[in-house]
Amino acid sequence: MQNTYTPTNARKNFFSLLKQVATEKKPVTIQQKDPDLDAVIVNKKDWDSIQETLYLFTTGTLEKVVEREKDDSGSTNVDEIDWDTL
């Protein structure tokens, strides 16, 4: 199945598109003449994951995690992390 549809084709195949997005975990684009009006249908779990990643990025938490992953000293003890202040 394709991943880009016109609004008319998307409407005709709506339930099929929902099933495709849910099972294949690939987003579907609804493409219009004006690109500013395009839309994307995404699996709910994938959307939640995107939102969580954006939250971690905007709060600086993701950067701290990456820094700690690069820390080769072995000084980070998971039990000693204050998760509420990350």
PDB file of N, CA and C in Angstrom:
ATOM      1  N   MET A   1       0.821  -1.194   0.000  1.00  0.00           N
ATOM      2  CA  MET A   1       0.000   0.000   0.000  1.00  0.00           C
ATOM      3  C   MET A   1       0.860   1.251   0.000  1.00  0.00           C
ATOM      4  N   GLN A   2       0.349   2.283  -0.590  1.00  0.00           N
ATOM      5  CA  GLN A   2       1.087   3.546  -0.625  1.00  0.00           C
ATOM      6  C   GLN A   2       0.993   4.258   0.718  1.00  0.00           C
ATOM      7  N   ASN A   3       1.830   5.261   0.913  1.00  0.00           N
ATOM      8  CA  ASN A   3       1.843   6.002   2.165  1.00  0.00           C
ATOM      9  C   ASN A   3       1.389   7.444   2.000  1.00  0.00           C
ATOM     10  N   THR A   4       1.019   7.855   0.787  1.00  0.00           N
ATOM     11  CA  THR A   4       0.538   9.202   0.537  1.00  0.00           C
ATOM     12  C   THR A   4      -0.777   9.128  -0.228  1.00  0.00           C
ATOM     13  N   TYR A   5      -1.767   9.877   0.262  1.00  0.00           N
ATOM     14  CA  TYR A   5      -3.099   9.855  -0.322  1.00  0.00           C
ATOM     15  C   TYR A   5      -3.617  11.269  -0.488  1.00  0.00           C
ATOM     16  N   THR A   6      -4.517  11.431  -1.456  1.00  0.00           N
ATOM     17  CA  THR A   6      -5.272  12.676  -1.550  1.00  0.00           C
ATOM     18  C   THR A   6      -6.381  12.590  -0.498  1.00  0.00           C
ATOM     19  N   PRO A   7      -6.977  13.704  -0.126  1.00  0.00           N
ATOM     20  CA  PRO A   7      -8.087  13.638   0.824  1.00  0.00           C
ATOM     21  C   PRO A   7      -9.232  12.744   0.332  1.00  0.00           C
ATOM     22  N   THR A   8      -9.519  12.793  -0.945  1.00  0.00           N
ATOM     23  CA  THR A   8     -10.602  11.968  -1.502  1.00  0.00           C
ATOM     24  C   THR A   8     -10.281  10.487  -1.364  1.00  0.00           C
ATOM     25  N   ASN A   9      -9.053  10.091  -1.752  1.00  0.00           N
ATOM     26  CA  ASN A   9      -8.671   8.678  -1.641  1.00  0.00           C
ATOM     27  C   ASN A   9      -8.571   8.240  -0.183  1.00  0.00           C
ATOM     28  N   ALA A  10      -8.112   9.121   0.677  1.00  0.00           N
ATOM     29  CA  ALA A  10      -8.026   8.785   2.100  1.00  0.00           C
ATOM     30  C   ALA A  10      -9.426   8.535   2.660  1.00  0.00           C
ATOM     31  N   ARG A  11     -10.374   9.368   2.285  1.00  0.00           N
ATOM     32  CA  ARG A  11     -11.751   9.212   2.760  1.00  0.00           C
ATOM     33  C   ARG A  11     -12.321   7.868   2.277  1.00  0.00           C
ATOM     34  N   LYS A  12     -12.055   7.521   1.030  1.00  0.00           N
ATOM     35  CA  LYS A  12     -12.564   6.262   0.472  1.00  0.00           C
ATOM     36  C   LYS A  12     -11.950   5.049   1.166  1.00  0.00           C
ATOM     37  N   ASN A  13     -10.709   5.185   1.616  1.00  0.00           N
ATOM     38  CA  ASN A  13      -9.975   4.058   2.197  1.00  0.00           C
ATOM     39  C   ASN A  13      -9.683   4.244   3.684  1.00  0.00           C
ATOM     40  N   PHE A  14     -10.494   5.044   4.364  1.00  0.00           N
ATOM     41  CA  PHE A  14     -10.177   5.453   5.727  1.00  0.00           C
ATOM     42  C   PHE A  14      -9.917   4.276   6.674  1.00  0.00           C
ATOM     43  N   PHE A  15     -10.815   3.304   6.728  1.00  0.00           N
ATOM     44  CA  PHE A  15     -10.628   2.190   7.662  1.00  0.00           C
ATOM     45  C   PHE A  15      -9.423   1.339   7.291  1.00  0.00           C
ATOM     46  N   SER A  16      -9.174   1.198   6.002  1.00  0.00           N
ATOM     47  CA  SER A  16      -7.981   0.488   5.545  1.00  0.00           C
ATOM     48  C   SER A  16      -6.714   1.238   5.964  1.00  0.00           C
ATOM     49  N   LEU A  17      -6.736   2.561   5.865  1.00  0.00           N
ATOM     50  CA  LEU A  17      -5.585   3.370   6.273  1.00  0.00           C
ATOM     51  C   LEU A  17      -5.317   3.230   7.766  1.00  0.00           C
ATOM     52  N   LEU A  18      -6.374   3.266   8.556  1.00  0.00           N
ATOM     53  CA  LEU A  18      -6.207   3.105  10.002  1.00  0.00           C
ATOM     54  C   LEU A  18      -5.582   1.758  10.335  1.00  0.00           C
ATOM     55  N   LYS A  19      -6.035   0.727   9.659  1.00  0.00           N
ATOM     56  CA  LYS A  19      -5.477  -0.612   9.888  1.00  0.00           C
ATOM     57  C   LYS A  19      -4.011  -0.658   9.449  1.00  0.00           C
ATOM     58  N   GLN A  20      -3.709  -0.039   8.314  1.00  0.00           N
ATOM     59  CA  GLN A  20      -2.336  -0.005   7.808  1.00  0.00           C
ATOM     60  C   GLN A  20      -1.419   0.693   8.805  1.00  0.00           C
ATOM     61  N   VAL A  21      -1.837   1.822   9.312  1.00  0.00           N
ATOM     62  CA  VAL A  21      -1.023   2.581  10.266  1.00  0.00           C
ATOM     63  C   VAL A  21      -0.816   1.769  11.541  1.00  0.00           C
ATOM     64  N   ALA A  22      -1.859   1.086  11.988  1.00  0.00           N
ATOM     65  CA  ALA A  22      -1.771   0.308  13.221  1.00  0.00           C
ATOM     66  C   ALA A  22      -0.891  -0.928  13.080  1.00  0.00           C
ATOM     67  N   THR A  23      -0.981  -1.600  11.962  1.00  0.00           N
ATOM     68  CA  THR A  23      -0.255  -2.865  11.808  1.00  0.00           C
ATOM     69  C   THR A  23       1.160  -2.687  11.270  1.00  0.00           C
ATOM     70  N   GLU A  24       1.333  -1.772  10.330  1.00  0.00           N
ATOM     71  CA  GLU A  24       2.647  -1.586   9.711  1.00  0.00           C
ATOM     72  C   GLU A  24       3.493  -0.552  10.436  1.00  0.00           C
ATOM     73  N   LYS A  25       2.870   0.210  11.327  1.00  0.00           N
ATOM     74  CA  LYS A  25       3.571   1.258  12.084  1.00  0.00           C
ATOM     75  C   LYS A  25       4.276   2.246  11.173  1.00  0.00           C
ATOM     76  N   LYS A  26       3.658   2.531  10.028  1.00  0.00           N
ATOM     77  CA  LYS A  26       4.175   3.517   9.091  1.00  0.00           C
ATOM     78  C   LYS A  26       3.145   4.627   8.973  1.00  0.00           C
ATOM     79  N   PRO A  27       3.576   5.876   9.101  1.00  0.00           N
ATOM     80  CA  PRO A  27       2.621   6.977   8.972  1.00  0.00           C
ATOM     81  C   PRO A  27       2.087   7.104   7.554  1.00  0.00           C
ATOM     82  N   VAL A  28       0.892   7.658   7.437  1.00  0.00           N
ATOM     83  CA  VAL A  28       0.254   7.909   6.155  1.00  0.00           C
ATOM     84  C   VAL A  28       0.075   9.418   6.019  1.00  0.00           C
ATOM     85  N   THR A  29       0.464   9.959   4.881  1.00  0.00           N
ATOM     86  CA  THR A  29       0.333  11.387   4.622  1.00  0.00           C
ATOM     87  C   THR A  29      -0.905  11.646   3.769  1.00  0.00           C
ATOM     88  N   ILE A  30      -1.682  12.634   4.199  1.00  0.00           N
ATOM     89  CA  ILE A  30      -2.804  13.120   3.402  1.00  0.00           C
ATOM     90  C   ILE A  30      -2.291  14.404   2.756  1.00  0.00           C
ATOM     91  N   GLN A  31      -2.052  14.342   1.455  1.00  0.00           N
ATOM     92  CA  GLN A  31      -1.390  15.427   0.740  1.00  0.00           C
ATOM     93  C   GLN A  31      -2.410  16.250  -0.035  1.00  0.00           C
ATOM     94  N   GLN A  32      -2.349  17.564   0.180  1.00  0.00           N
ATOM     95  CA  GLN A  32      -3.263  18.473  -0.505  1.00  0.00           C
ATOM     96  C   GLN A  32      -2.482  19.380  -1.454  1.00  0.00           C
ATOM     97  N   LYS A  33      -3.186  20.182  -2.209  1.00  0.00           N
ATOM     98  CA  LYS A  33      -2.520  21.089  -3.152  1.00  0.00           C
ATOM     99  C   LYS A  33      -1.653  22.102  -2.417  1.00  0.00           C
ATOM    100  N   ASP A  34      -2.116  22.554  -1.268  1.00  0.00           N
ATOM    101  CA  ASP A  34      -1.354  23.482  -0.432  1.00  0.00           C
ATOM    102  C   ASP A  34      -0.608  22.663   0.616  1.00  0.00           C
ATOM    103  N   PRO A  35       0.726  22.561   0.532  1.00  0.00           N
ATOM    104  CA  PRO A  35       1.496  21.747   1.478  1.00  0.00           C
ATOM    105  C   PRO A  35       1.280  22.130   2.949  1.00  0.00           C
ATOM    106  N   ASP A  36       0.881  23.377   3.201  1.00  0.00           N
ATOM    107  CA  ASP A  36       0.619  23.792   4.581  1.00  0.00           C
ATOM    108  C   ASP A  36      -0.612  23.112   5.165  1.00  0.00           C
ATOM    109  N   LEU A  37      -1.422  22.488   4.322  1.00  0.00           N
ATOM    110  CA  LEU A  37      -2.633  21.808   4.784  1.00  0.00           C
ATOM    111  C   LEU A  37      -2.463  20.293   4.859  1.00  0.00           C
ATOM    112  N   ASP A  38      -1.279  19.781   4.510  1.00  0.00           N
ATOM    113  CA  ASP A  38      -1.035  18.338   4.587  1.00  0.00           C
ATOM    114  C   ASP A  38      -1.184  17.855   6.026  1.00  0.00           C
ATOM    115  N   ALA A  39      -1.551  16.599   6.170  1.00  0.00           N
ATOM    116  CA  ALA A  39      -1.716  15.995   7.494  1.00  0.00           C
ATOM    117  C   ALA A  39      -1.107  14.599   7.479  1.00  0.00           C
ATOM    118  N   VAL A  40      -0.859  14.082   8.681  1.00  0.00           N
ATOM    119  CA  VAL A  40      -0.271  12.748   8.813  1.00  0.00           C
ATOM    120  C   VAL A  40      -1.090  11.942   9.823  1.00  0.00           C
ATOM    121  N   ILE A  41      -1.360  10.697   9.481  1.00  0.00           N
ATOM    122  CA  ILE A  41      -2.001   9.767  10.413  1.00  0.00           C
ATOM    123  C   ILE A  41      -0.897   8.880  10.970  1.00  0.00           C
ATOM    124  N   VAL A  42      -0.792   8.832  12.309  1.00  0.00           N
ATOM    125  CA  VAL A  42       0.283   8.102  12.974  1.00  0.00           C
ATOM    126  C   VAL A  42      -0.327   7.159  14.000  1.00  0.00           C
ATOM    127  N   ASN A  43       0.296   6.005  14.176  1.00  0.00           N
ATOM    128  CA  ASN A  43      -0.098   5.058  15.212  1.00  0.00           C
ATOM    129  C   ASN A  43      -0.041   5.743  16.578  1.00  0.00           C
ATOM    130  N   LYS A  44      -1.015   5.501  17.432  1.00  0.00           N
ATOM    131  CA  LYS A  44      -1.103   6.166  18.744  1.00  0.00           C
ATOM    132  C   LYS A  44       0.127   5.903  19.604  1.00  0.00           C
ATOM    133  N   LYS A  45       0.619   4.691  19.644  1.00  0.00           N
ATOM    134  CA  LYS A  45       1.810   4.398  20.447  1.00  0.00           C
ATOM    135  C   LYS A  45       3.024   5.157  19.916  1.00  0.00           C
ATOM    136  N   ASP A  46       3.136   5.242  18.596  1.00  0.00           N
ATOM    137  CA  ASP A  46       4.238   6.000  17.999  1.00  0.00           C
ATOM    138  C   ASP A  46       4.107   7.484  18.347  1.00  0.00           C
ATOM    139  N   TRP A  47       2.894   8.013  18.293  1.00  0.00           N
ATOM    140  CA  TRP A  47       2.669   9.413  18.636  1.00  0.00           C
ATOM    141  C   TRP A  47       3.050   9.681  20.094  1.00  0.00           C
ATOM    142  N   ASP A  48       2.633   8.785  20.995  1.00  0.00           N
ATOM    143  CA  ASP A  48       2.980   8.944  22.407  1.00  0.00           C
ATOM    144  C   ASP A  48       4.497   8.937  22.600  1.00  0.00           C
ATOM    145  N   SER A  49       5.184   8.080  21.861  1.00  0.00           N
ATOM    146  CA  SER A  49       6.634   8.001  21.941  1.00  0.00           C
ATOM    147  C   SER A  49       7.281   9.289  21.441  1.00  0.00           C
ATOM    148  N   ILE A  50       6.771   9.828  20.357  1.00  0.00           N
ATOM    149  CA  ILE A  50       7.278  11.095  19.823  1.00  0.00           C
ATOM    150  C   ILE A  50       7.084  12.208  20.851  1.00  0.00           C
ATOM    151  N   GLN A  51       5.910  12.253  21.463  1.00  0.00           N
ATOM    152  CA  GLN A  51       5.614  13.280  22.453  1.00  0.00           C
ATOM    153  C   GLN A  51       6.534  13.162  23.668  1.00  0.00           C
ATOM    154  N   GLU A  52       6.800  11.936  24.107  1.00  0.00           N
ATOM    155  CA  GLU A  52       7.689  11.737  25.247  1.00  0.00           C
ATOM    156  C   GLU A  52       9.114  12.181  24.911  1.00  0.00           C
ATOM    157  N   THR A  53       9.568  11.844  23.717  1.00  0.00           N
ATOM    158  CA  THR A  53      10.907  12.252  23.290  1.00  0.00           C
ATOM    159  C   THR A  53      11.009  13.775  23.231  1.00  0.00           C
ATOM    160  N   LEU A  54       9.994  14.426  22.684  1.00  0.00           N
ATOM    161  CA  LEU A  54       9.990  15.894  22.634  1.00  0.00           C
ATOM    162  C   LEU A  54      10.016  16.497  24.036  1.00  0.00           C
ATOM    163  N   TYR A  55       9.269  15.909  24.953  1.00  0.00           N
ATOM    164  CA  TYR A  55       9.259  16.388  26.330  1.00  0.00           C
ATOM    165  C   TYR A  55      10.651  16.253  26.954  1.00  0.00           C
ATOM    166  N   LEU A  56      11.263  15.085  26.795  1.00  0.00           N
ATOM    167  CA  LEU A  56      12.590  14.862  27.356  1.00  0.00           C
ATOM    168  C   LEU A  56      13.611  15.816  26.745  1.00  0.00           C
ATOM    169  N   PHE A  57      13.466  16.101  25.469  1.00  0.00           N
ATOM    170  CA  PHE A  57      14.375  17.029  24.805  1.00  0.00           C
ATOM    171  C   PHE A  57      14.184  18.460  25.311  1.00  0.00           C
ATOM    172  N   THR A  58      12.935  18.905  25.381  1.00  0.00           N
ATOM    173  CA  THR A  58      12.684  20.301  25.766  1.00  0.00           C
ATOM    174  C   THR A  58      12.985  20.571  27.230  1.00  0.00           C
ATOM    175  N   THR A  59      12.949  19.552  28.073  1.00  0.00           N
ATOM    176  CA  THR A  59      13.258  19.752  29.494  1.00  0.00           C
ATOM    177  C   THR A  59      14.747  19.580  29.789  1.00  0.00           C
ATOM    178  N   GLY A  60      15.527  19.175  28.784  1.00  0.00           N
ATOM    179  CA  GLY A  60      16.959  18.977  28.982  1.00  0.00           C
ATOM    180  C   GLY A  60      17.316  17.598  29.511  1.00  0.00           C
ATOM    181  N   THR A  61      16.323  16.795  29.801  1.00  0.00           N
ATOM    182  CA  THR A  61      16.569  15.462  30.350  1.00  0.00           C
ATOM    183  C   THR A  61      17.306  14.578  29.359  1.00  0.00           C
ATOM    184  N   LEU A  62      16.931  14.656  28.100  1.00  0.00           N
ATOM    185  CA  LEU A  62      17.563  13.828  27.072  1.00  0.00           C
ATOM    186  C   LEU A  62      19.049  14.131  26.969  1.00  0.00           C
ATOM    187  N   GLU A  63      19.402  15.401  27.054  1.00  0.00           N
ATOM    188  CA  GLU A  63      20.812  15.799  26.991  1.00  0.00           C
ATOM    189  C   GLU A  63      21.589  15.210  28.169  1.00  0.00           C
ATOM    190  N   LYS A  64      20.998  15.225  29.354  1.00  0.00           N
ATOM    191  CA  LYS A  64      21.670  14.664  30.529  1.00  0.00           C
ATOM    192  C   LYS A  64      21.860  13.155  30.390  1.00  0.00           C
ATOM    193  N   VAL A  65      20.869  12.495  29.820  1.00  0.00           N
ATOM    194  CA  VAL A  65      20.986  11.047  29.613  1.00  0.00           C
ATOM    195  C   VAL A  65      22.123  10.744  28.647  1.00  0.00           C
ATOM    196  N   VAL A  66      22.208  11.503  27.563  1.00  0.00           N
ATOM    197  CA  VAL A  66      23.278  11.301  26.579  1.00  0.00           C
ATOM    198  C   VAL A  66      24.634  11.553  27.222  1.00  0.00           C
ATOM    199  N   GLU A  67      24.749  12.593  28.042  1.00  0.00           N
ATOM    200  CA  GLU A  67      26.005  12.883  28.737  1.00  0.00           C
ATOM    201  C   GLU A  67      26.400  11.717  29.632  1.00  0.00           C
ATOM    202  N   ARG A  68      25.453  11.175  30.340  1.00  0.00           N
ATOM    203  CA  ARG A  68      25.762  10.066  31.256  1.00  0.00           C
ATOM    204  C   ARG A  68      26.104   8.794  30.497  1.00  0.00           C
ATOM    205  N   GLU A  69      25.500   8.601  29.325  1.00  0.00           N
ATOM    206  CA  GLU A  69      25.854   7.434  28.510  1.00  0.00           C
ATOM    207  C   GLU A  69      27.296   7.527  28.025  1.00  0.00           C
ATOM    208  N   LYS A  70      27.785   8.747  27.786  1.00  0.00           N
ATOM    209  CA  LYS A  70      29.150   8.953  27.312  1.00  0.00           C
ATOM    210  C   LYS A  70      30.167   8.895  28.446  1.00  0.00           C
ATOM    211  N   ASP A  71      29.713   8.978  29.687  1.00  0.00           N
ATOM    212  CA  ASP A  71      30.588   8.980  30.857  1.00  0.00           C
ATOM    213  C   ASP A  71      31.179   7.585  31.034  1.00  0.00           C
ATOM    214  N   ASP A  72      32.475   7.458  30.775  1.00  0.00           N
ATOM    215  CA  ASP A  72      33.149   6.164  30.878  1.00  0.00           C
ATOM    216  C   ASP A  72      33.721   5.899  32.263  1.00  0.00           C
ATOM    217  N   SER A  73      33.562   6.831  33.170  1.00  0.00           N
ATOM    218  CA  SER A  73      34.190   6.672  34.485  1.00  0.00           C
ATOM    219  C   SER A  73      33.500   5.614  35.333  1.00  0.00           C
ATOM    220  N   GLY A  74      32.268   5.260  34.974  1.00  0.00           N
ATOM    221  CA  GLY A  74      31.550   4.263  35.764  1.00  0.00           C
ATOM    222  C   GLY A  74      31.054   4.809  37.084  1.00  0.00           C
ATOM    223  N   SER A  75      31.100   6.138  37.227  1.00  0.00           N
ATOM    224  CA  SER A  75      30.727   6.733  38.506  1.00  0.00           C
ATOM    225  C   SER A  75      29.223   6.921  38.675  1.00  0.00           C
ATOM    226  N   THR A  76      28.451   6.690  37.630  1.00  0.00           N
ATOM    227  CA  THR A  76      27.005   6.864  37.741  1.00  0.00           C
ATOM    228  C   THR A  76      26.375   5.584  38.265  1.00  0.00           C
ATOM    229  N   ASN A  77      25.781   5.705  39.441  1.00  0.00           N
ATOM    230  CA  ASN A  77      25.063   4.593  40.041  1.00  0.00           C
ATOM    231  C   ASN A  77      23.577   4.885  39.890  1.00  0.00           C
ATOM    232  N   VAL A  78      22.877   4.034  39.173  1.00  0.00           N
ATOM    233  CA  VAL A  78      21.464   4.245  38.884  1.00  0.00           C
ATOM    234  C   VAL A  78      20.653   4.424  40.164  1.00  0.00           C
ATOM    235  N   ASP A  79      21.012   3.733  41.210  1.00  0.00           N
ATOM    236  CA  ASP A  79      20.283   3.836  42.469  1.00  0.00           C
ATOM    237  C   ASP A  79      20.473   5.191  43.146  1.00  0.00           C
ATOM    238  N   GLU A  80      21.507   5.916  42.784  1.00  0.00           N
ATOM    239  CA  GLU A  80      21.784   7.209  43.408  1.00  0.00           C
ATOM    240  C   GLU A  80      21.246   8.395  42.614  1.00  0.00           C
ATOM    241  N   ILE A  81      20.641   8.142  41.442  1.00  0.00           N
ATOM    242  CA  ILE A  81      20.118   9.221  40.604  1.00  0.00           C
ATOM    243  C   ILE A  81      18.843   9.760  41.225  1.00  0.00           C
ATOM    244  N   ASP A  82      18.774  11.080  41.337  1.00  0.00           N
ATOM    245  CA  ASP A  82      17.544  11.740  41.791  1.00  0.00           C
ATOM    246  C   ASP A  82      16.692  12.000  40.544  1.00  0.00           C
ATOM    247  N   TRP A  83      15.826  11.083  40.196  1.00  0.00           N
ATOM    248  CA  TRP A  83      15.066  11.134  38.964  1.00  0.00           C
ATOM    249  C   TRP A  83      14.122  12.336  38.904  1.00  0.00           C
ATOM    250  N   ASP A  84      13.720  12.847  40.044  1.00  0.00           N
ATOM    251  CA  ASP A  84      12.799  13.978  40.065  1.00  0.00           C
ATOM    252  C   ASP A  84      13.470  15.285  39.685  1.00  0.00           C
ATOM    253  N   THR A  85      14.783  15.359  39.770  1.00  0.00           N
ATOM    254  CA  THR A  85      15.469  16.602  39.454  1.00  0.00           C
ATOM    255  C   THR A  85      16.194  16.558  38.115  1.00  0.00           C
ATOM    256  N   LEU A  86      16.026  15.498  37.380  1.00  0.00           N
ATOM    257  CA  LEU A  86      16.666  15.434  36.052  1.00  0.00           C
ATOM    258  C   LEU A  86      16.097  16.484  35.134  1.00  0.00           C
TER     259      LEU A  86
END
